[in-house]
N, C-alpha and C. Protein backbone atom coordinates (compact mmCIF):
# COMPACT_ATOMS: atom_id res chain seq x y z
N GLU A 1 -16.63 -7.85 -6.57
CA GLU A 1 -15.26 -7.39 -6.79
C GLU A 1 -15.30 -6.21 -7.76
N ASN A 2 -14.56 -5.17 -7.44
CA ASN A 2 -14.48 -4.00 -8.30
C ASN A 2 -13.31 -4.13 -9.26
N LEU A 3 -13.55 -3.80 -10.51
CA LEU A 3 -12.48 -3.79 -11.50
C LEU A 3 -12.16 -2.37 -11.84
N HIS A 4 -10.88 -2.04 -11.90
CA HIS A 4 -10.44 -0.69 -12.21
C HIS A 4 -9.47 -0.72 -13.36
N ALA A 5 -9.59 0.23 -14.24
CA ALA A 5 -8.62 0.38 -15.33
C ALA A 5 -7.67 1.50 -14.94
N PHE A 6 -6.39 1.23 -15.02
CA PHE A 6 -5.38 2.23 -14.69
C PHE A 6 -4.66 2.62 -15.96
N PRO A 7 -4.62 3.92 -16.26
CA PRO A 7 -3.92 4.36 -17.47
C PRO A 7 -2.41 4.16 -17.32
N THR A 8 -1.76 3.83 -18.41
CA THR A 8 -0.31 3.73 -18.44
C THR A 8 0.21 4.73 -19.44
N ARG A 9 1.51 5.04 -19.33
CA ARG A 9 2.07 5.99 -20.28
C ARG A 9 2.02 5.44 -21.69
N ARG A 10 2.29 4.16 -21.83
CA ARG A 10 2.25 3.53 -23.16
C ARG A 10 1.67 2.14 -23.02
N ALA A 11 0.70 1.83 -23.81
CA ALA A 11 0.11 0.49 -23.78
C ALA A 11 1.15 -0.55 -24.13
N SER A 12 2.15 -0.18 -24.91
CA SER A 12 3.16 -1.14 -25.35
C SER A 12 3.96 -1.71 -24.19
N ASP A 13 4.16 -0.93 -23.12
CA ASP A 13 4.92 -1.44 -21.98
C ASP A 13 4.26 -2.68 -21.39
N ASN A 14 2.94 -2.64 -21.23
CA ASN A 14 2.20 -3.75 -20.66
C ASN A 14 2.28 -4.98 -21.56
N LYS A 15 2.11 -4.80 -22.86
CA LYS A 15 2.14 -5.93 -23.78
C LYS A 15 3.50 -6.63 -23.77
N SER A 16 4.58 -5.88 -23.71
CA SER A 16 5.90 -6.50 -23.76
C SER A 16 6.13 -7.37 -22.54
N LEU A 17 5.65 -6.92 -21.38
CA LEU A 17 5.87 -7.72 -20.18
C LEU A 17 4.99 -8.96 -20.19
N GLN A 18 3.78 -8.85 -20.75
CA GLN A 18 2.93 -10.03 -20.88
C GLN A 18 3.57 -11.06 -21.80
N ARG A 19 4.27 -10.57 -22.78
CA ARG A 19 4.91 -11.42 -23.77
C ARG A 19 6.12 -12.14 -23.18
N GLY A 20 6.68 -11.62 -22.09
CA GLY A 20 7.83 -12.26 -21.45
C GLY A 20 9.15 -11.95 -22.13
N SER A 21 9.23 -10.86 -22.87
CA SER A 21 10.47 -10.56 -23.59
C SER A 21 11.48 -9.79 -22.75
N LEU A 22 11.11 -9.36 -21.56
CA LEU A 22 11.97 -8.49 -20.76
C LEU A 22 13.26 -9.18 -20.33
N ILE A 23 14.40 -8.60 -20.73
CA ILE A 23 15.70 -9.00 -20.19
C ILE A 23 16.20 -7.81 -19.38
N PHE A 24 17.05 -8.07 -18.40
CA PHE A 24 17.50 -6.98 -17.55
C PHE A 24 18.81 -7.32 -16.87
N ASP A 25 19.43 -6.31 -16.31
CA ASP A 25 20.56 -6.50 -15.42
C ASP A 25 20.56 -5.36 -14.43
N TYR A 26 21.20 -5.58 -13.34
CA TYR A 26 21.20 -4.64 -12.22
C TYR A 26 22.62 -4.48 -11.74
N MET A 27 23.03 -3.25 -11.47
CA MET A 27 24.38 -3.03 -10.97
C MET A 27 24.38 -1.91 -9.94
N GLY A 28 25.34 -1.98 -9.02
CA GLY A 28 25.45 -0.98 -7.97
C GLY A 28 26.26 0.23 -8.44
N VAL A 29 25.98 1.37 -7.83
CA VAL A 29 26.72 2.60 -8.07
C VAL A 29 27.33 3.00 -6.73
N HIS A 30 28.64 3.24 -6.72
CA HIS A 30 29.34 3.56 -5.47
C HIS A 30 30.11 4.86 -5.64
N GLU A 31 30.15 5.64 -4.59
CA GLU A 31 30.89 6.89 -4.60
C GLU A 31 32.39 6.58 -4.54
N THR A 32 33.16 7.23 -5.39
CA THR A 32 34.63 7.08 -5.42
C THR A 32 35.23 8.48 -5.38
N PRO A 33 36.54 8.60 -5.14
CA PRO A 33 37.17 9.93 -5.16
C PRO A 33 36.99 10.66 -6.50
N ARG A 34 36.77 9.91 -7.59
CA ARG A 34 36.60 10.52 -8.92
C ARG A 34 35.13 10.69 -9.30
N GLY A 35 34.23 10.42 -8.37
CA GLY A 35 32.80 10.51 -8.66
C GLY A 35 32.15 9.14 -8.62
N PRO A 36 30.90 9.03 -9.06
CA PRO A 36 30.19 7.74 -9.01
C PRO A 36 30.90 6.68 -9.87
N GLY A 37 31.00 5.48 -9.32
CA GLY A 37 31.55 4.35 -10.06
C GLY A 37 30.50 3.26 -10.18
N ILE A 38 30.36 2.70 -11.36
CA ILE A 38 29.36 1.65 -11.61
C ILE A 38 30.07 0.32 -11.50
N PHE A 39 29.69 -0.48 -10.50
CA PHE A 39 30.38 -1.72 -10.17
C PHE A 39 30.30 -2.73 -11.31
N ARG A 40 31.48 -3.08 -11.82
CA ARG A 40 31.63 -4.12 -12.85
C ARG A 40 30.67 -3.93 -14.02
N MET A 41 30.54 -2.68 -14.47
CA MET A 41 29.61 -2.36 -15.56
C MET A 41 29.87 -3.23 -16.79
N GLY A 42 31.12 -3.40 -17.18
CA GLY A 42 31.44 -4.20 -18.36
C GLY A 42 30.92 -5.63 -18.25
N ASP A 43 31.10 -6.23 -17.07
CA ASP A 43 30.62 -7.60 -16.86
C ASP A 43 29.09 -7.66 -16.92
N HIS A 44 28.43 -6.67 -16.31
CA HIS A 44 26.97 -6.66 -16.31
C HIS A 44 26.41 -6.45 -17.72
N VAL A 45 27.03 -5.55 -18.47
CA VAL A 45 26.57 -5.30 -19.84
C VAL A 45 26.81 -6.55 -20.70
N ALA A 46 27.93 -7.22 -20.50
CA ALA A 46 28.20 -8.46 -21.24
C ALA A 46 27.13 -9.51 -20.91
N ARG A 47 26.74 -9.61 -19.64
CA ARG A 47 25.70 -10.57 -19.26
C ARG A 47 24.36 -10.16 -19.88
N PHE A 48 24.07 -8.85 -19.92
CA PHE A 48 22.85 -8.36 -20.53
C PHE A 48 22.81 -8.75 -22.01
N LEU A 49 23.91 -8.53 -22.71
CA LEU A 49 23.98 -8.90 -24.13
C LEU A 49 23.86 -10.41 -24.32
N ARG A 50 24.44 -11.17 -23.41
CA ARG A 50 24.34 -12.64 -23.47
C ARG A 50 22.89 -13.07 -23.26
N SER A 51 22.19 -12.39 -22.35
CA SER A 51 20.77 -12.69 -22.13
C SER A 51 19.97 -12.46 -23.41
N ALA A 52 20.25 -11.35 -24.10
CA ALA A 52 19.55 -11.06 -25.36
C ALA A 52 19.82 -12.18 -26.36
N GLU A 53 21.05 -12.63 -26.43
CA GLU A 53 21.42 -13.72 -27.35
C GLU A 53 20.72 -15.02 -26.97
N LEU A 54 20.71 -15.36 -25.69
CA LEU A 54 20.10 -16.62 -25.23
C LEU A 54 18.61 -16.70 -25.52
N VAL A 55 17.90 -15.57 -25.42
CA VAL A 55 16.45 -15.60 -25.67
C VAL A 55 16.09 -15.18 -27.08
N GLY A 56 17.08 -14.81 -27.90
CA GLY A 56 16.82 -14.45 -29.28
C GLY A 56 16.28 -13.05 -29.46
N LEU A 57 16.49 -12.17 -28.51
CA LEU A 57 16.03 -10.79 -28.61
C LEU A 57 16.98 -10.02 -29.52
N PRO A 58 16.48 -9.48 -30.63
CA PRO A 58 17.36 -8.83 -31.61
C PRO A 58 17.81 -7.43 -31.19
N LEU A 59 18.67 -7.37 -30.21
CA LEU A 59 19.18 -6.10 -29.70
C LEU A 59 20.21 -5.54 -30.66
N GLU A 60 19.99 -4.33 -31.13
CA GLU A 60 20.87 -3.73 -32.13
C GLU A 60 21.98 -2.88 -31.53
N ARG A 61 21.95 -2.67 -30.25
CA ARG A 61 22.96 -1.84 -29.61
C ARG A 61 24.08 -2.71 -29.06
N GLY A 62 25.30 -2.19 -29.14
CA GLY A 62 26.45 -2.92 -28.65
C GLY A 62 26.86 -2.47 -27.26
N ALA A 63 27.87 -3.13 -26.70
CA ALA A 63 28.33 -2.86 -25.34
C ALA A 63 28.73 -1.41 -25.14
N GLU A 64 29.50 -0.85 -26.07
CA GLU A 64 29.96 0.54 -25.89
C GLU A 64 28.80 1.52 -25.81
N GLU A 65 27.83 1.35 -26.68
CA GLU A 65 26.67 2.26 -26.71
C GLU A 65 25.85 2.12 -25.43
N ILE A 66 25.66 0.90 -24.97
CA ILE A 66 24.88 0.67 -23.75
C ILE A 66 25.63 1.23 -22.54
N GLU A 67 26.93 0.99 -22.47
CA GLU A 67 27.72 1.51 -21.35
C GLU A 67 27.69 3.03 -21.32
N ALA A 68 27.80 3.68 -22.46
CA ALA A 68 27.74 5.15 -22.51
C ALA A 68 26.38 5.65 -22.03
N ALA A 69 25.32 4.96 -22.39
CA ALA A 69 23.98 5.35 -21.96
C ALA A 69 23.81 5.16 -20.46
N ILE A 70 24.41 4.12 -19.91
CA ILE A 70 24.35 3.89 -18.46
C ILE A 70 25.07 5.02 -17.73
N VAL A 71 26.26 5.36 -18.18
CA VAL A 71 27.03 6.45 -17.56
C VAL A 71 26.24 7.75 -17.63
N GLU A 72 25.66 8.05 -18.77
CA GLU A 72 24.86 9.27 -18.94
C GLU A 72 23.67 9.29 -17.98
N THR A 73 23.03 8.14 -17.81
CA THR A 73 21.87 8.05 -16.91
C THR A 73 22.29 8.27 -15.47
N VAL A 74 23.42 7.70 -15.06
CA VAL A 74 23.91 7.90 -13.69
C VAL A 74 24.25 9.37 -13.47
N ARG A 75 24.90 9.99 -14.42
CA ARG A 75 25.24 11.41 -14.30
C ARG A 75 23.99 12.28 -14.18
N ALA A 76 22.93 11.90 -14.86
CA ALA A 76 21.69 12.69 -14.85
C ALA A 76 20.87 12.47 -13.57
N ASN A 77 21.29 11.50 -12.75
CA ASN A 77 20.55 11.17 -11.52
C ASN A 77 21.51 11.16 -10.33
N PRO A 78 21.95 12.34 -9.87
CA PRO A 78 22.89 12.40 -8.75
C PRO A 78 22.35 11.66 -7.53
N GLY A 79 23.22 10.95 -6.85
CA GLY A 79 22.82 10.20 -5.67
C GLY A 79 22.35 8.79 -5.97
N ALA A 80 22.32 8.41 -7.24
CA ALA A 80 21.89 7.05 -7.59
C ALA A 80 22.82 6.03 -6.94
N LYS A 81 22.24 4.95 -6.45
CA LYS A 81 23.00 3.87 -5.83
C LYS A 81 22.87 2.57 -6.63
N ALA A 82 21.99 2.58 -7.62
CA ALA A 82 21.73 1.38 -8.41
C ALA A 82 21.34 1.77 -9.83
N VAL A 83 21.61 0.85 -10.75
CA VAL A 83 21.21 1.02 -12.15
C VAL A 83 20.55 -0.27 -12.60
N LYS A 84 19.42 -0.13 -13.28
CA LYS A 84 18.78 -1.29 -13.89
C LYS A 84 18.64 -0.99 -15.37
N VAL A 85 19.15 -1.89 -16.19
CA VAL A 85 19.03 -1.76 -17.64
C VAL A 85 18.08 -2.87 -18.11
N SER A 86 17.12 -2.49 -18.95
CA SER A 86 16.10 -3.43 -19.42
C SER A 86 15.99 -3.36 -20.93
N GLY A 87 15.70 -4.49 -21.55
CA GLY A 87 15.43 -4.56 -22.97
C GLY A 87 14.17 -5.38 -23.17
N TYR A 88 13.29 -4.92 -24.06
CA TYR A 88 12.04 -5.65 -24.27
C TYR A 88 11.42 -5.28 -25.60
N LEU A 89 10.51 -6.12 -26.06
CA LEU A 89 9.74 -5.85 -27.27
C LEU A 89 8.54 -5.00 -26.86
N ALA A 90 8.51 -3.77 -27.34
CA ALA A 90 7.45 -2.84 -26.93
C ALA A 90 6.26 -2.81 -27.88
N SER A 91 6.22 -3.67 -28.87
CA SER A 91 5.14 -3.66 -29.84
C SER A 91 3.79 -3.91 -29.17
N VAL A 92 2.75 -3.27 -29.68
CA VAL A 92 1.41 -3.46 -29.12
C VAL A 92 0.66 -4.61 -29.81
N GLU A 93 1.31 -5.29 -30.72
CA GLU A 93 0.65 -6.42 -31.38
C GLU A 93 0.30 -7.49 -30.35
N VAL A 94 -0.71 -8.26 -30.63
CA VAL A 94 -1.15 -9.28 -29.70
C VAL A 94 -0.32 -10.56 -29.82
N ASP A 95 0.24 -10.84 -30.97
CA ASP A 95 1.00 -12.06 -31.19
C ASP A 95 2.19 -12.16 -30.23
N VAL A 96 2.56 -13.38 -29.87
CA VAL A 96 3.69 -13.61 -28.97
C VAL A 96 4.98 -13.07 -29.58
N VAL A 97 5.18 -13.28 -30.85
CA VAL A 97 6.34 -12.72 -31.55
C VAL A 97 5.81 -11.68 -32.53
N PRO A 98 5.96 -10.41 -32.20
CA PRO A 98 5.37 -9.37 -33.04
C PRO A 98 6.14 -9.17 -34.34
N MET A 99 5.45 -8.60 -35.31
CA MET A 99 6.11 -8.25 -36.58
C MET A 99 7.14 -7.15 -36.33
N ASP A 100 6.82 -6.23 -35.43
CA ASP A 100 7.74 -5.15 -35.08
C ASP A 100 8.66 -5.66 -33.97
N ASP A 101 9.86 -6.10 -34.36
CA ASP A 101 10.75 -6.71 -33.37
C ASP A 101 11.86 -5.76 -32.90
N ARG A 102 11.58 -4.46 -32.98
CA ARG A 102 12.55 -3.50 -32.45
C ARG A 102 12.57 -3.60 -30.93
N VAL A 103 13.76 -3.67 -30.37
CA VAL A 103 13.92 -3.80 -28.93
C VAL A 103 14.04 -2.42 -28.30
N THR A 104 13.24 -2.18 -27.28
CA THR A 104 13.32 -0.95 -26.51
C THR A 104 14.33 -1.15 -25.40
N LEU A 105 15.20 -0.17 -25.23
CA LEU A 105 16.20 -0.21 -24.17
C LEU A 105 15.83 0.87 -23.15
N ALA A 106 15.71 0.49 -21.89
CA ALA A 106 15.37 1.43 -20.82
C ALA A 106 16.41 1.31 -19.72
N ILE A 107 16.84 2.46 -19.21
CA ILE A 107 17.85 2.47 -18.15
C ILE A 107 17.33 3.36 -17.02
N ALA A 108 17.38 2.85 -15.80
CA ALA A 108 16.95 3.61 -14.63
C ALA A 108 18.10 3.66 -13.64
N ALA A 109 18.41 4.85 -13.12
CA ALA A 109 19.40 5.03 -12.06
C ALA A 109 18.67 5.63 -10.87
N TYR A 110 18.80 5.02 -9.70
CA TYR A 110 18.01 5.45 -8.55
C TYR A 110 18.67 5.01 -7.25
N ASP A 111 18.09 5.44 -6.15
CA ASP A 111 18.53 5.05 -4.81
C ASP A 111 17.44 4.13 -4.25
N PRO A 112 17.69 2.83 -4.14
CA PRO A 112 16.64 1.90 -3.68
C PRO A 112 16.05 2.28 -2.32
N LEU A 113 16.88 2.78 -1.42
CA LEU A 113 16.36 3.15 -0.10
C LEU A 113 15.42 4.35 -0.19
N GLU A 114 15.86 5.41 -0.84
CA GLU A 114 15.05 6.63 -0.93
C GLU A 114 13.88 6.50 -1.91
N ASP A 115 14.13 5.88 -3.05
CA ASP A 115 13.13 5.86 -4.12
C ASP A 115 12.16 4.69 -4.04
N VAL A 116 12.49 3.65 -3.29
CA VAL A 116 11.61 2.48 -3.23
C VAL A 116 11.19 2.17 -1.80
N ILE A 117 12.14 1.84 -0.95
CA ILE A 117 11.82 1.36 0.40
C ILE A 117 11.12 2.43 1.25
N ARG A 118 11.67 3.63 1.30
CA ARG A 118 11.07 4.68 2.13
C ARG A 118 9.73 5.16 1.58
N ARG A 119 9.50 4.96 0.29
CA ARG A 119 8.21 5.35 -0.30
C ARG A 119 7.15 4.28 -0.08
N ASN A 120 7.55 3.12 0.39
CA ASN A 120 6.64 2.02 0.65
C ASN A 120 6.84 1.50 2.08
N PRO A 121 6.67 2.36 3.10
CA PRO A 121 6.91 1.89 4.47
C PRO A 121 5.92 0.79 4.82
N GLY A 122 6.25 -0.06 5.67
CA GLY A 122 5.32 -1.11 6.07
C GLY A 122 5.39 -2.34 5.18
N GLU A 123 5.96 -2.23 3.99
CA GLU A 123 6.08 -3.40 3.14
C GLU A 123 7.38 -4.15 3.42
N TYR A 124 8.27 -3.53 4.20
CA TYR A 124 9.56 -4.14 4.51
C TYR A 124 9.70 -4.21 6.03
N PRO A 125 9.19 -5.30 6.63
CA PRO A 125 9.23 -5.38 8.09
C PRO A 125 10.67 -5.45 8.61
N LYS A 126 10.90 -4.79 9.73
CA LYS A 126 12.21 -4.82 10.37
C LYS A 126 12.17 -5.87 11.47
N ARG A 127 13.08 -6.82 11.42
CA ARG A 127 13.13 -7.89 12.42
C ARG A 127 14.54 -7.98 12.98
N ALA A 128 14.62 -8.49 14.20
CA ALA A 128 15.93 -8.69 14.83
C ALA A 128 16.66 -9.85 14.17
N ALA A 129 15.91 -10.84 13.70
CA ALA A 129 16.52 -12.01 13.07
C ALA A 129 15.80 -12.29 11.75
N LEU A 130 16.53 -12.77 10.78
CA LEU A 130 15.97 -13.11 9.47
C LEU A 130 15.24 -14.44 9.56
N ARG A 131 14.02 -14.49 9.04
CA ARG A 131 13.27 -15.75 8.98
C ARG A 131 13.38 -16.27 7.57
N LEU A 132 13.92 -17.48 7.40
CA LEU A 132 14.23 -18.05 6.09
C LEU A 132 13.30 -19.22 5.78
N TRP A 133 12.74 -19.20 4.54
CA TRP A 133 11.85 -20.26 4.04
C TRP A 133 12.66 -21.11 3.08
N ILE A 134 12.69 -22.42 3.28
CA ILE A 134 13.37 -23.33 2.36
C ILE A 134 12.35 -23.78 1.32
N GLU A 135 12.51 -23.32 0.09
CA GLU A 135 11.55 -23.63 -0.98
C GLU A 135 11.86 -24.99 -1.57
N LYS A 136 10.86 -25.88 -1.58
CA LYS A 136 11.04 -27.23 -2.11
C LYS A 136 10.07 -27.57 -3.23
N ALA A 137 9.03 -26.76 -3.42
CA ALA A 137 7.97 -27.12 -4.37
C ALA A 137 8.23 -26.65 -5.80
N ARG A 138 8.85 -25.49 -5.95
CA ARG A 138 9.01 -24.92 -7.29
C ARG A 138 10.42 -25.14 -7.82
N ARG A 139 10.50 -25.56 -9.07
CA ARG A 139 11.79 -25.76 -9.72
C ARG A 139 11.84 -24.93 -10.98
N GLN A 140 12.99 -24.37 -11.31
CA GLN A 140 13.10 -23.60 -12.55
C GLN A 140 14.36 -23.93 -13.32
N ARG A 141 15.18 -24.80 -12.84
CA ARG A 141 16.45 -25.11 -13.50
C ARG A 141 16.34 -26.46 -14.22
N ARG A 142 15.98 -26.39 -15.51
CA ARG A 142 15.89 -27.60 -16.32
C ARG A 142 16.58 -27.32 -17.65
N GLU A 143 17.02 -28.37 -18.30
CA GLU A 143 17.72 -28.22 -19.58
C GLU A 143 16.80 -27.84 -20.73
N ASP A 144 15.49 -28.08 -20.59
CA ASP A 144 14.57 -27.84 -21.69
C ASP A 144 13.89 -26.47 -21.64
N ILE A 145 14.35 -25.58 -20.79
CA ILE A 145 13.79 -24.23 -20.74
C ILE A 145 14.90 -23.22 -20.96
N VAL A 146 14.56 -21.93 -20.99
CA VAL A 146 15.55 -20.88 -21.19
C VAL A 146 16.64 -21.02 -20.13
N PRO A 147 17.90 -20.96 -20.51
CA PRO A 147 18.99 -21.15 -19.55
C PRO A 147 18.92 -20.16 -18.38
N ALA A 148 19.28 -20.64 -17.21
CA ALA A 148 19.25 -19.81 -16.00
C ALA A 148 20.18 -18.61 -16.11
N GLN A 149 21.18 -18.68 -16.96
CA GLN A 149 22.12 -17.57 -17.13
C GLN A 149 21.46 -16.35 -17.78
N ALA A 150 20.35 -16.54 -18.45
CA ALA A 150 19.64 -15.41 -19.08
C ALA A 150 18.84 -14.69 -18.02
N LYS A 151 19.11 -13.41 -17.86
CA LYS A 151 18.34 -12.60 -16.92
C LYS A 151 17.10 -12.10 -17.67
N VAL A 152 16.15 -13.02 -17.82
CA VAL A 152 14.90 -12.74 -18.52
C VAL A 152 13.77 -12.85 -17.49
N ALA A 153 12.80 -11.96 -17.58
CA ALA A 153 11.75 -11.87 -16.57
C ALA A 153 11.10 -13.22 -16.28
N ALA A 154 10.85 -14.01 -17.30
CA ALA A 154 10.16 -15.28 -17.11
C ALA A 154 10.93 -16.24 -16.20
N ASN A 155 12.26 -16.12 -16.15
CA ASN A 155 13.05 -16.99 -15.28
C ASN A 155 12.84 -16.68 -13.80
N TYR A 156 12.19 -15.58 -13.49
CA TYR A 156 12.01 -15.18 -12.10
C TYR A 156 10.60 -15.47 -11.59
N THR A 157 9.76 -16.09 -12.39
CA THR A 157 8.38 -16.34 -11.99
C THR A 157 8.30 -17.31 -10.82
N SER A 158 9.02 -18.42 -10.87
CA SER A 158 8.96 -19.40 -9.77
C SER A 158 9.47 -18.83 -8.45
N PRO A 159 10.66 -18.20 -8.43
CA PRO A 159 11.10 -17.66 -7.14
C PRO A 159 10.23 -16.51 -6.65
N MET A 160 9.63 -15.74 -7.57
CA MET A 160 8.74 -14.66 -7.17
C MET A 160 7.52 -15.24 -6.45
N ALA A 161 6.92 -16.26 -7.03
CA ALA A 161 5.75 -16.88 -6.41
C ALA A 161 6.12 -17.51 -5.07
N ALA A 162 7.29 -18.14 -5.00
CA ALA A 162 7.74 -18.76 -3.75
C ALA A 162 7.97 -17.70 -2.67
N LYS A 163 8.57 -16.58 -3.03
CA LYS A 163 8.85 -15.54 -2.03
C LYS A 163 7.55 -14.89 -1.56
N TRP A 164 6.60 -14.68 -2.45
CA TRP A 164 5.30 -14.16 -2.02
C TRP A 164 4.66 -15.10 -1.00
N GLU A 165 4.69 -16.40 -1.29
CA GLU A 165 4.12 -17.37 -0.36
C GLU A 165 4.85 -17.32 0.98
N ALA A 166 6.17 -17.26 0.93
CA ALA A 166 6.96 -17.19 2.16
C ALA A 166 6.61 -15.95 2.96
N ARG A 167 6.48 -14.80 2.32
CA ARG A 167 6.13 -13.56 3.03
C ARG A 167 4.74 -13.66 3.67
N ARG A 168 3.79 -14.26 2.93
CA ARG A 168 2.45 -14.43 3.49
C ARG A 168 2.47 -15.33 4.73
N ASN A 169 3.47 -16.18 4.82
CA ASN A 169 3.61 -17.09 5.96
C ASN A 169 4.57 -16.55 7.02
N GLY A 170 4.96 -15.28 6.92
CA GLY A 170 5.76 -14.66 7.96
C GLY A 170 7.27 -14.77 7.79
N TYR A 171 7.73 -15.23 6.63
CA TYR A 171 9.17 -15.36 6.38
C TYR A 171 9.69 -14.14 5.61
N ASP A 172 11.00 -13.89 5.71
CA ASP A 172 11.60 -12.73 5.07
C ASP A 172 12.25 -13.06 3.73
N GLU A 173 12.78 -14.25 3.58
CA GLU A 173 13.58 -14.59 2.41
C GLU A 173 13.41 -16.07 2.11
N ILE A 174 13.75 -16.45 0.87
CA ILE A 174 13.68 -17.86 0.47
C ILE A 174 15.07 -18.36 0.13
N LEU A 175 15.25 -19.65 0.21
CA LEU A 175 16.48 -20.31 -0.19
C LEU A 175 16.11 -21.52 -1.04
């Protein structure tokens, strides 16, 4: 087996994701007579802030500042159809809870079809009918773990693994 090292822009990005600190939210951008409109931005930002609170991420930015940054990002990316806002601990320390607990805020505005799907042809098979996998083995909703309402990366590990297995078995989606 060959091992390859791939350079990243910042080593800190990799450490934060390994640590599981990533919180995020996703919202649609729709064209309106007055220009791009961000669907229910206030609700999504409130959920993002609630996720930070639920996992104890010390986010220092408030709703108004985050919303203004989202609007600015959409304006800077004409044609965007989606926005993803992420918060994470970017410290390069090895400890699970780093001494440097400043939260990095990242916002991406893009067109999923143009920027993701069309750049990865063949990874999204086109079928006449959807093939659905009923997942019964993995559970993630328990009272003793991070609440399901928190959009934190770690909460998506079970469904991610289940969907990969379903795709390997010829299915399109999981339930």
